[in-house]
Amino acid sequence: RTLKEMGSYRIVGIDASPYSFGLKLADVGYVVPFATAPEFKRTIEMIIAREEPDYIIPLVDEEILIFHAIGEQFNTRVVAPVPRFCELCLDKWLTSQALQDAGIPVPETWLATDTNKVRYPAVIKPRGGRGSRGLAYLRQASDLEGYLMMARGSPQEYVIQEQIEGREFTVSVVVGLGGPLLAVVPKEVIIKRGITLAGVTRDVPEINSVCRQVQDRLRANGPFNVQLIMKDDKRPYIIEINPRYSTTALLTIAAGIHEIDLVIRHLPKL
């Protein structure tokens, strides 16, 4: 809606649900298969060929790498981090290891195969996935045993993190395609039900610094979202990185920064 109100964009929207409100706001909308469906890529290719968009903006984890491939095929810019960074962040275990290697604070993290190493309390979740799906809190070893008995897939597909107590933040890290850091907007989470439902924009220098380190050391070279916990000693610990715009983009807009428009306006000319 906010992009359309600017008057300089024509919006082509897609969604797997015919009842999506976003489809009503777009100039033209398409109902498409889920990104995990075999026919998704071909459907998007037909839409791209018909509509000839200048930019593709992924908003769902499962579609990011598919859109990168389609963007290269059609010579269409994808407003997202580079594929290497996306692949890293779509696997929470690899994310944790990369951040640790880069000297960026993260909770201690184990694969669910290393049950004898886990210290409690802890949090378990799938290596892939989004919106807190499959997340559970573990107080003791028996909680982990029960979770793994009921879980789909093997223990290798799950990660366990030490539970960090503190204030939770979701942070928009607005990076232009090619690498310029344009803005860092921390939002403290007030209400969360899988995704953030309410938050307050804060100016927190320690958070700004650690998010800049992610771009400096891992080179996302595109917009991403950081979820972190800030302990009472003001040290932020990154728990996840989403290689895309997040659901809290509206809070960033309310703070005076339109994440999508800002990145597009700073794109180099082709």
C-alpha atoms as a PDB file:
ATOM      1  CA  ARG A   1       0.000   0.000   0.000  1.00  0.00           C
ATOM      2  CA  THR A   2       2.719   2.512   0.954  1.00  0.00           C
ATOM      3  CA  LEU A   3       4.628   1.919  -2.287  1.00  0.00           C
ATOM      4  CA  LYS A   4       1.457   2.325  -4.323  1.00  0.00           C
ATOM      5  CA  GLU A   5       0.608   5.560  -2.515  1.00  0.00           C
ATOM      6  CA  MET A   6       3.940   7.033  -3.674  1.00  0.00           C
ATOM      7  CA  GLY A   7       2.553   7.017  -7.207  1.00  0.00           C
ATOM      8  CA  SER A   8       5.788   5.905  -8.857  1.00  0.00           C
ATOM      9  CA  TYR A   9       5.343   2.134  -8.594  1.00  0.00           C
ATOM     10  CA  ARG A  10       3.076  -0.383 -10.290  1.00  0.00           C
ATOM     11  CA  ILE A  11       2.650  -3.322  -7.921  1.00  0.00           C
ATOM     12  CA  VAL A  12       2.267  -6.913  -9.109  1.00  0.00           C
ATOM     13  CA  GLY A  13       1.350  -9.038  -6.093  1.00  0.00           C
ATOM     14  CA  ILE A  14       1.355 -12.797  -5.642  1.00  0.00           C
ATOM     15  CA  ASP A  15      -0.002 -14.969  -2.845  1.00  0.00           C
ATOM     16  CA  ALA A  16      -0.966 -18.583  -2.308  1.00  0.00           C
ATOM     17  CA  SER A  17      -4.301 -17.498  -0.801  1.00  0.00           C
ATOM     18  CA  PRO A  18      -7.075 -16.007  -2.946  1.00  0.00           C
ATOM     19  CA  TYR A  19      -8.261 -14.187   0.204  1.00  0.00           C
ATOM     20  CA  SER A  20      -4.996 -12.282   0.711  1.00  0.00           C
ATOM     21  CA  PHE A  21      -5.679  -8.606   1.406  1.00  0.00           C
ATOM     22  CA  GLY A  22      -2.411  -7.722  -0.311  1.00  0.00           C
ATOM     23  CA  LEU A  23      -3.751  -8.964  -3.637  1.00  0.00           C
ATOM     24  CA  LYS A  24      -6.564  -6.420  -3.357  1.00  0.00           C
ATOM     25  CA  LEU A  25      -4.090  -3.587  -2.795  1.00  0.00           C
ATOM     26  CA  ALA A  26      -1.838  -4.496  -5.740  1.00  0.00           C
ATOM     27  CA  ASP A  27      -2.424  -3.078  -9.214  1.00  0.00           C
ATOM     28  CA  VAL A  28      -2.642  -6.677 -10.403  1.00  0.00           C
ATOM     29  CA  GLY A  29      -2.626  -9.827  -8.295  1.00  0.00           C
ATOM     30  CA  TYR A  30      -2.013 -13.508  -8.965  1.00  0.00           C
ATOM     31  CA  VAL A  31      -2.867 -16.553  -6.875  1.00  0.00           C
ATOM     32  CA  VAL A  32       0.104 -18.914  -7.121  1.00  0.00           C
ATOM     33  CA  PRO A  33       1.090 -22.306  -5.686  1.00  0.00           C
ATOM     34  CA  PHE A  34       3.089 -22.486  -2.469  1.00  0.00           C
ATOM     35  CA  ALA A  35       6.804 -21.918  -3.013  1.00  0.00           C
ATOM     36  CA  THR A  36       7.484 -25.543  -2.071  1.00  0.00           C
ATOM     37  CA  ALA A  37       5.221 -26.834  -4.874  1.00  0.00           C
ATOM     38  CA  PRO A  38       6.915 -28.158  -8.038  1.00  0.00           C
ATOM     39  CA  GLU A  39       4.851 -25.854 -10.253  1.00  0.00           C
ATOM     40  CA  PHE A  40       5.721 -22.662  -8.341  1.00  0.00           C
ATOM     41  CA  LYS A  41       8.811 -21.739 -10.383  1.00  0.00           C
ATOM     42  CA  ARG A  42       7.109 -22.216 -13.737  1.00  0.00           C
ATOM     43  CA  THR A  43       4.113 -20.162 -12.577  1.00  0.00           C
ATOM     44  CA  ILE A  44       6.359 -17.285 -11.525  1.00  0.00           C
ATOM     45  CA  GLU A  45       8.280 -17.464 -14.797  1.00  0.00           C
ATOM     46  CA  MET A  46       5.021 -17.008 -16.729  1.00  0.00           C
ATOM     47  CA  ILE A  47       4.049 -14.025 -14.553  1.00  0.00           C
ATOM     48  CA  ILE A  48       7.470 -12.409 -14.997  1.00  0.00           C
ATOM     49  CA  ALA A  49       7.319 -12.904 -18.758  1.00  0.00           C
ATOM     50  CA  ARG A  50       3.849 -11.328 -18.883  1.00  0.00           C
ATOM     51  CA  GLU A  51       4.307  -8.428 -16.456  1.00  0.00           C
ATOM     52  CA  GLU A  52       8.012  -7.627 -17.047  1.00  0.00           C
ATOM     53  CA  PRO A  53       8.701  -6.194 -13.572  1.00  0.00           C
ATOM     54  CA  ASP A  54      11.823  -4.154 -12.864  1.00  0.00           C
ATOM     55  CA  TYR A  55      12.275  -5.686  -9.408  1.00  0.00           C
ATOM     56  CA  ILE A  56      11.384  -8.894  -7.568  1.00  0.00           C
ATOM     57  CA  ILE A  57      10.932  -8.542  -3.801  1.00  0.00           C
ATOM     58  CA  PRO A  58      10.889 -11.867  -1.885  1.00  0.00           C
ATOM     59  CA  LEU A  59       8.993 -11.844   1.413  1.00  0.00           C
ATOM     60  CA  VAL A  60       8.932 -15.581   2.245  1.00  0.00           C
ATOM     61  CA  ASP A  61      11.986 -17.728   3.039  1.00  0.00           C
ATOM     62  CA  GLU A  62      11.053 -20.595   0.731  1.00  0.00           C
ATOM     63  CA  GLU A  63      10.888 -18.372  -2.339  1.00  0.00           C
ATOM     64  CA  ILE A  64      14.132 -16.390  -1.966  1.00  0.00           C
ATOM     65  CA  LEU A  65      16.556 -18.680  -3.795  1.00  0.00           C
ATOM     66  CA  ILE A  66      13.942 -19.505  -6.427  1.00  0.00           C
ATOM     67  CA  PHE A  67      13.481 -15.796  -7.127  1.00  0.00           C
ATOM     68  CA  HIS A  68      17.244 -15.336  -7.363  1.00  0.00           C
ATOM     69  CA  ALA A  69      17.369 -18.013 -10.067  1.00  0.00           C
ATOM     70  CA  ILE A  70      14.414 -16.486 -11.926  1.00  0.00           C
ATOM     71  CA  GLY A  71      15.875 -12.991 -11.626  1.00  0.00           C
ATOM     72  CA  GLU A  72      19.093 -14.144 -13.251  1.00  0.00           C
ATOM     73  CA  GLN A  73      17.119 -15.917 -15.982  1.00  0.00           C
ATOM     74  CA  PHE A  74      15.071 -12.796 -16.835  1.00  0.00           C
ATOM     75  CA  ASN A  75      17.762 -10.211 -15.984  1.00  0.00           C
ATOM     76  CA  THR A  76      15.452  -8.801 -13.295  1.00  0.00           C
ATOM     77  CA  ARG A  77      16.854  -7.358 -10.082  1.00  0.00           C
ATOM     78  CA  VAL A  78      16.010  -9.242  -6.896  1.00  0.00           C
ATOM     79  CA  VAL A  79      15.789  -6.959  -3.852  1.00  0.00           C
ATOM     80  CA  ALA A  80      17.392  -9.335  -1.369  1.00  0.00           C
ATOM     81  CA  PRO A  81      20.855 -10.279  -0.104  1.00  0.00           C
ATOM     82  CA  VAL A  82      23.201 -12.215  -2.367  1.00  0.00           C
ATOM     83  CA  PRO A  83      22.426 -15.965  -2.731  1.00  0.00           C
ATOM     84  CA  ARG A  84      25.429 -17.059  -0.658  1.00  0.00           C
ATOM     85  CA  PHE A  85      24.216 -15.014   2.334  1.00  0.00           C
ATOM     86  CA  CYS A  86      20.638 -16.235   1.832  1.00  0.00           C
ATOM     87  CA  GLU A  87      21.711 -19.887   1.818  1.00  0.00           C
ATOM     88  CA  LEU A  88      23.675 -19.284   5.025  1.00  0.00           C
ATOM     89  CA  CYS A  89      20.802 -17.598   6.862  1.00  0.00           C
ATOM     90  CA  LEU A  90      18.169 -20.118   5.782  1.00  0.00           C
ATOM     91  CA  ASP A  91      20.043 -22.692   7.892  1.00  0.00           C
ATOM     92  CA  LYS A  92      20.102 -21.643  11.565  1.00  0.00           C
ATOM     93  CA  TRP A  93      23.032 -23.944  12.360  1.00  0.00           C
ATOM     94  CA  LEU A  94      25.186 -22.483   9.585  1.00  0.00           C
ATOM     95  CA  THR A  95      24.137 -18.975  10.625  1.00  0.00           C
ATOM     96  CA  SER A  96      25.262 -19.563  14.188  1.00  0.00           C
ATOM     97  CA  GLN A  97      28.603 -21.008  13.111  1.00  0.00           C
ATOM     98  CA  ALA A  98      29.292 -18.172  10.664  1.00  0.00           C
ATOM     99  CA  LEU A  99      28.478 -15.487  13.248  1.00  0.00           C
ATOM    100  CA  GLN A 100      30.648 -17.184  15.842  1.00  0.00           C
ATOM    101  CA  ASP A 101      33.544 -17.440  13.380  1.00  0.00           C
ATOM    102  CA  ALA A 102      33.105 -13.738  12.603  1.00  0.00           C
ATOM    103  CA  GLY A 103      33.345 -12.818  16.288  1.00  0.00           C
ATOM    104  CA  ILE A 104      29.711 -11.727  16.556  1.00  0.00           C
ATOM    105  CA  PRO A 105      27.917 -12.703  19.814  1.00  0.00           C
ATOM    106  CA  VAL A 106      25.465 -15.609  19.527  1.00  0.00           C
ATOM    107  CA  PRO A 107      23.930 -17.963  22.095  1.00  0.00           C
ATOM    108  CA  GLU A 108      25.774 -21.234  22.475  1.00  0.00           C
ATOM    109  CA  THR A 109      24.281 -23.523  19.846  1.00  0.00           C
ATOM    110  CA  TRP A 110      24.239 -27.295  19.363  1.00  0.00           C
ATOM    111  CA  LEU A 111      22.801 -29.710  16.850  1.00  0.00           C
ATOM    112  CA  ALA A 112      20.099 -31.868  18.395  1.00  0.00           C
ATOM    113  CA  THR A 113      22.396 -34.859  17.822  1.00  0.00           C
ATOM    114  CA  ASP A 114      24.688 -33.534  20.586  1.00  0.00           C
ATOM    115  CA  THR A 115      22.219 -34.063  23.425  1.00  0.00           C
ATOM    116  CA  ASN A 116      24.965 -34.689  25.993  1.00  0.00           C
ATOM    117  CA  LYS A 117      26.403 -31.190  25.425  1.00  0.00           C
ATOM    118  CA  VAL A 118      23.200 -29.202  25.949  1.00  0.00           C
ATOM    119  CA  ARG A 119      22.931 -26.877  28.939  1.00  0.00           C
ATOM    120  CA  TYR A 120      19.476 -25.973  30.195  1.00  0.00           C
ATOM    121  CA  PRO A 121      17.310 -23.957  29.948  1.00  0.00           C
ATOM    122  CA  ALA A 122      17.462 -24.005  26.160  1.00  0.00           C
ATOM    123  CA  VAL A 123      15.394 -23.470  23.011  1.00  0.00           C
ATOM    124  CA  ILE A 124      14.978 -25.997  20.185  1.00  0.00           C
ATOM    125  CA  LYS A 125      13.788 -25.235  16.656  1.00  0.00           C
ATOM    126  CA  PRO A 126      14.161 -26.545  13.102  1.00  0.00           C
ATOM    127  CA  ARG A 127      17.322 -25.558  11.224  1.00  0.00           C
ATOM    128  CA  GLY A 128      15.028 -24.161   8.537  1.00  0.00           C
ATOM    129  CA  GLY A 129      11.625 -22.560   8.949  1.00  0.00           C
ATOM    130  CA  ARG A 130      10.237 -19.217  10.038  1.00  0.00           C
ATOM    131  CA  GLY A 131       7.778 -17.511  12.353  1.00  0.00           C
ATOM    132  CA  SER A 132       8.721 -19.593  15.435  1.00  0.00           C
ATOM    133  CA  ARG A 133       7.301 -22.741  13.826  1.00  0.00           C
ATOM    134  CA  GLY A 134       8.454 -25.808  15.720  1.00  0.00           C
ATOM    135  CA  LEU A 135      10.061 -23.753  18.493  1.00  0.00           C
ATOM    136  CA  ALA A 136       9.921 -25.145  22.044  1.00  0.00           C
ATOM    137  CA  TYR A 137      11.490 -24.281  25.376  1.00  0.00           C
ATOM    138  CA  LEU A 138      13.463 -26.981  27.161  1.00  0.00           C
ATOM    139  CA  ARG A 139      13.939 -26.942  30.924  1.00  0.00           C
ATOM    140  CA  GLN A 140      15.552 -30.350  31.282  1.00  0.00           C
ATOM    141  CA  ALA A 141      16.817 -33.340  29.314  1.00  0.00           C
ATOM    142  CA  SER A 142      13.453 -35.110  29.410  1.00  0.00           C
ATOM    143  CA  ASP A 143      11.877 -32.145  27.553  1.00  0.00           C
ATOM    144  CA  LEU A 144      14.375 -32.637  24.742  1.00  0.00           C
ATOM    145  CA  GLU A 145      13.748 -36.384  24.627  1.00  0.00           C
ATOM    146  CA  GLY A 146       9.996 -35.805  24.366  1.00  0.00           C
ATOM    147  CA  TYR A 147      10.401 -33.173  21.645  1.00  0.00           C
ATOM    148  CA  LEU A 148      12.604 -35.406  19.504  1.00  0.00           C
ATOM    149  CA  MET A 149      10.191 -38.330  19.879  1.00  0.00           C
ATOM    150  CA  MET A 150       7.383 -36.209  18.416  1.00  0.00           C
ATOM    151  CA  ALA A 151       9.460 -34.259  15.872  1.00  0.00           C
ATOM    152  CA  ARG A 152       9.331 -34.806  12.151  1.00  0.00           C
ATOM    153  CA  GLY A 153      12.687 -35.606  10.634  1.00  0.00           C
ATOM    154  CA  SER A 154      15.979 -36.559  12.240  1.00  0.00           C
ATOM    155  CA  PRO A 155      17.738 -34.758  15.138  1.00  0.00           C
ATOM    156  CA  GLN A 156      20.255 -33.466  12.558  1.00  0.00           C
ATOM    157  CA  GLU A 157      17.470 -31.189  11.259  1.00  0.00           C
ATOM    158  CA  TYR A 158      17.110 -29.293  14.572  1.00  0.00           C
ATOM    159  CA  VAL A 159      19.255 -26.829  16.491  1.00  0.00           C
ATOM    160  CA  ILE A 160      19.302 -26.078  20.198  1.00  0.00           C
ATOM    161  CA  GLN A 161      20.352 -22.703  21.600  1.00  0.00           C
ATOM    162  CA  GLU A 162      20.980 -21.663  25.153  1.00  0.00           C
ATOM    163  CA  GLN A 163      18.088 -19.541  26.364  1.00  0.00           C
ATOM    164  CA  ILE A 164      19.206 -15.931  26.665  1.00  0.00           C
ATOM    165  CA  GLU A 165      17.170 -13.785  29.060  1.00  0.00           C
ATOM    166  CA  GLY A 166      16.642 -10.167  28.094  1.00  0.00           C
ATOM    167  CA  ARG A 167      14.790  -7.785  25.790  1.00  0.00           C
ATOM    168  CA  GLU A 168      13.957  -9.088  22.326  1.00  0.00           C
ATOM    169  CA  PHE A 169      14.525  -6.927  19.254  1.00  0.00           C
ATOM    170  CA  THR A 170      13.817  -7.314  15.559  1.00  0.00           C
ATOM    171  CA  VAL A 171      16.086  -5.112  13.479  1.00  0.00           C
ATOM    172  CA  SER A 172      15.738  -3.869   9.918  1.00  0.00           C
ATOM    173  CA  VAL A 173      19.193  -3.696   8.368  1.00  0.00           C
ATOM    174  CA  VAL A 174      18.693  -1.760   5.152  1.00  0.00           C
ATOM    175  CA  VAL A 175      21.594  -2.553   2.852  1.00  0.00           C
ATOM    176  CA  GLY A 176      21.638  -1.523  -0.781  1.00  0.00           C
ATOM    177  CA  LEU A 177      22.318  -4.069  -3.485  1.00  0.00           C
ATOM    178  CA  GLY A 178      26.088  -4.036  -3.825  1.00  0.00           C
ATOM    179  CA  GLY A 179      26.793  -3.226  -0.205  1.00  0.00           C
ATOM    180  CA  PRO A 180      26.086   0.352   1.029  1.00  0.00           C
ATOM    181  CA  LEU A 181      24.578   0.301   4.530  1.00  0.00           C
ATOM    182  CA  LEU A 182      21.659   2.721   4.362  1.00  0.00           C
ATOM    183  CA  ALA A 183      19.960   2.343   7.766  1.00  0.00           C
ATOM    184  CA  VAL A 184      19.673   0.206  10.899  1.00  0.00           C
ATOM    185  CA  VAL A 185      16.294   0.355  12.665  1.00  0.00           C
ATOM    186  CA  PRO A 186      15.925  -1.646  15.925  1.00  0.00           C
ATOM    187  CA  LYS A 187      12.403  -2.414  17.148  1.00  0.00           C
ATOM    188  CA  GLU A 188      11.787  -3.830  20.596  1.00  0.00           C
ATOM    189  CA  VAL A 189       9.266  -6.666  20.492  1.00  0.00           C
ATOM    190  CA  ILE A 190       6.264  -5.987  22.740  1.00  0.00           C
ATOM    191  CA  ILE A 191       3.786  -8.661  21.550  1.00  0.00           C
ATOM    192  CA  LYS A 192       4.757 -11.785  19.623  1.00  0.00           C
ATOM    193  CA  ARG A 193       2.692 -14.707  18.391  1.00  0.00           C
ATOM    194  CA  GLY A 194       5.106 -16.512  16.096  1.00  0.00           C
ATOM    195  CA  ILE A 195       5.646 -13.235  14.227  1.00  0.00           C
ATOM    196  CA  THR A 196       5.960  -9.796  15.828  1.00  0.00           C
ATOM    197  CA  LEU A 197       2.535  -8.207  16.327  1.00  0.00           C
ATOM    198  CA  ALA A 198       3.593  -5.070  18.199  1.00  0.00           C
ATOM    199  CA  GLY A 199       6.873  -3.315  18.762  1.00  0.00           C
ATOM    200  CA  VAL A 200       8.488   0.022  19.568  1.00  0.00           C
ATOM    201  CA  THR A 201      11.303   1.594  17.553  1.00  0.00           C
ATOM    202  CA  ARG A 202      14.400   2.213  19.684  1.00  0.00           C
ATOM    203  CA  ASP A 203      17.788   3.827  19.109  1.00  0.00           C
ATOM    204  CA  VAL A 204      20.261   1.390  20.658  1.00  0.00           C
ATOM    205  CA  PRO A 205      23.935   1.987  19.753  1.00  0.00           C
ATOM    206  CA  GLU A 206      25.016  -1.532  20.760  1.00  0.00           C
ATOM    207  CA  ILE A 207      22.446  -3.060  18.408  1.00  0.00           C
ATOM    208  CA  ASN A 208      23.371  -0.692  15.586  1.00  0.00           C
ATOM    209  CA  SER A 209      27.002  -1.737  16.001  1.00  0.00           C
ATOM    210  CA  VAL A 210      26.448  -5.507  15.968  1.00  0.00           C
ATOM    211  CA  CYS A 211      24.158  -5.297  12.909  1.00  0.00           C
ATOM    212  CA  ARG A 212      26.764  -3.279  11.064  1.00  0.00           C
ATOM    213  CA  GLN A 213      29.260  -6.000  11.889  1.00  0.00           C
ATOM    214  CA  VAL A 214      27.047  -8.571  10.162  1.00  0.00           C
ATOM    215  CA  GLN A 215      27.185  -6.593   6.916  1.00  0.00           C
ATOM    216  CA  ASP A 216      30.875  -5.750   7.278  1.00  0.00           C
ATOM    217  CA  ARG A 217      31.972  -9.324   7.973  1.00  0.00           C
ATOM    218  CA  LEU A 218      29.433 -11.502   6.137  1.00  0.00           C
ATOM    219  CA  ARG A 219      28.618  -9.161   3.216  1.00  0.00           C
ATOM    220  CA  ALA A 220      24.876  -9.578   2.800  1.00  0.00           C
ATOM    221  CA  ASN A 221      24.842  -6.839   0.134  1.00  0.00           C
ATOM    222  CA  GLY A 222      21.068  -6.590   0.355  1.00  0.00           C
ATOM    223  CA  PRO A 223      18.373  -5.869   2.974  1.00  0.00           C
ATOM    224  CA  PHE A 224      17.949  -8.298   5.860  1.00  0.00           C
ATOM    225  CA  ASN A 225      16.369  -8.639   9.298  1.00  0.00           C
ATOM    226  CA  VAL A 226      18.130  -9.547  12.539  1.00  0.00           C
ATOM    227  CA  GLN A 227      16.434 -11.046  15.584  1.00  0.00           C
ATOM    228  CA  LEU A 228      18.364 -10.698  18.808  1.00  0.00           C
ATOM    229  CA  ILE A 229      18.177 -10.642  22.576  1.00  0.00           C
ATOM    230  CA  MET A 230      19.811  -7.847  24.567  1.00  0.00           C
ATOM    231  CA  LYS A 231      20.944  -8.903  28.030  1.00  0.00           C
ATOM    232  CA  ASP A 232      20.938  -6.576  31.007  1.00  0.00           C
ATOM    233  CA  ASP A 233      24.640  -5.873  30.410  1.00  0.00           C
ATOM    234  CA  LYS A 234      23.597  -4.355  27.035  1.00  0.00           C
ATOM    235  CA  ARG A 235      25.340  -7.059  25.035  1.00  0.00           C
ATOM    236  CA  PRO A 236      23.182  -8.161  22.087  1.00  0.00           C
ATOM    237  CA  TYR A 237      23.105 -11.839  21.073  1.00  0.00           C
ATOM    238  CA  ILE A 238      21.876 -12.637  17.570  1.00  0.00           C
ATOM    239  CA  ILE A 239      19.471 -15.583  17.517  1.00  0.00           C
ATOM    240  CA  GLU A 240      18.410 -15.515  13.847  1.00  0.00           C
ATOM    241  CA  ILE A 241      18.884 -13.624  10.593  1.00  0.00           C
ATOM    242  CA  ASN A 242      16.142 -13.428   7.969  1.00  0.00           C
ATOM    243  CA  PRO A 243      17.599 -12.700   4.499  1.00  0.00           C
ATOM    244  CA  ARG A 244      14.593 -10.600   3.446  1.00  0.00           C
ATOM    245  CA  TYR A 245      12.280  -7.839   4.616  1.00  0.00           C
ATOM    246  CA  SER A 246      10.365  -8.720   7.771  1.00  0.00           C
ATOM    247  CA  THR A 247       6.770  -8.276   8.891  1.00  0.00           C
ATOM    248  CA  THR A 248       7.915  -5.285  10.979  1.00  0.00           C
ATOM    249  CA  ALA A 249       8.706  -3.170   7.898  1.00  0.00           C
ATOM    250  CA  LEU A 250       5.642  -1.042   8.730  1.00  0.00           C
ATOM    251  CA  LEU A 251       7.285   0.023  11.993  1.00  0.00           C
ATOM    252  CA  THR A 252      10.363   1.057  10.052  1.00  0.00           C
ATOM    253  CA  ILE A 253       8.160   3.099   7.707  1.00  0.00           C
ATOM    254  CA  ALA A 254       6.511   4.729  10.739  1.00  0.00           C
ATOM    255  CA  ALA A 255      10.006   5.646  11.952  1.00  0.00           C
ATOM    256  CA  GLY A 256      10.531   7.547   8.685  1.00  0.00           C
ATOM    257  CA  ILE A 257      12.446   4.991   6.606  1.00  0.00           C
ATOM    258  CA  HIS A 258      10.772   3.117   3.754  1.00  0.00           C
ATOM    259  CA  GLU A 259      13.008   0.064   3.473  1.00  0.00           C
ATOM    260  CA  ILE A 260      11.982  -1.012  -0.021  1.00  0.00           C
ATOM    261  CA  ASP A 261      11.883   2.419  -1.648  1.00  0.00           C
ATOM    262  CA  LEU A 262      15.215   3.362  -0.050  1.00  0.00           C
ATOM    263  CA  VAL A 263      17.005   0.345  -1.515  1.00  0.00           C
ATOM    264  CA  ILE A 264      15.451   0.823  -4.965  1.00  0.00           C
ATOM    265  CA  ARG A 265      16.358   4.523  -5.045  1.00  0.00           C
ATOM    266  CA  HIS A 266      19.989   3.670  -4.284  1.00  0.00           C
ATOM    267  CA  LEU A 267      20.327   1.014  -6.982  1.00  0.00           C
ATOM    268  CA  PRO A 268      23.089   1.730  -9.499  1.00  0.00           C
ATOM    269  CA  LYS A 269      21.923   2.299 -13.048  1.00  0.00           C
ATOM    270  CA  LEU A 270      22.056  -0.717 -15.355  1.00  0.00           C
END
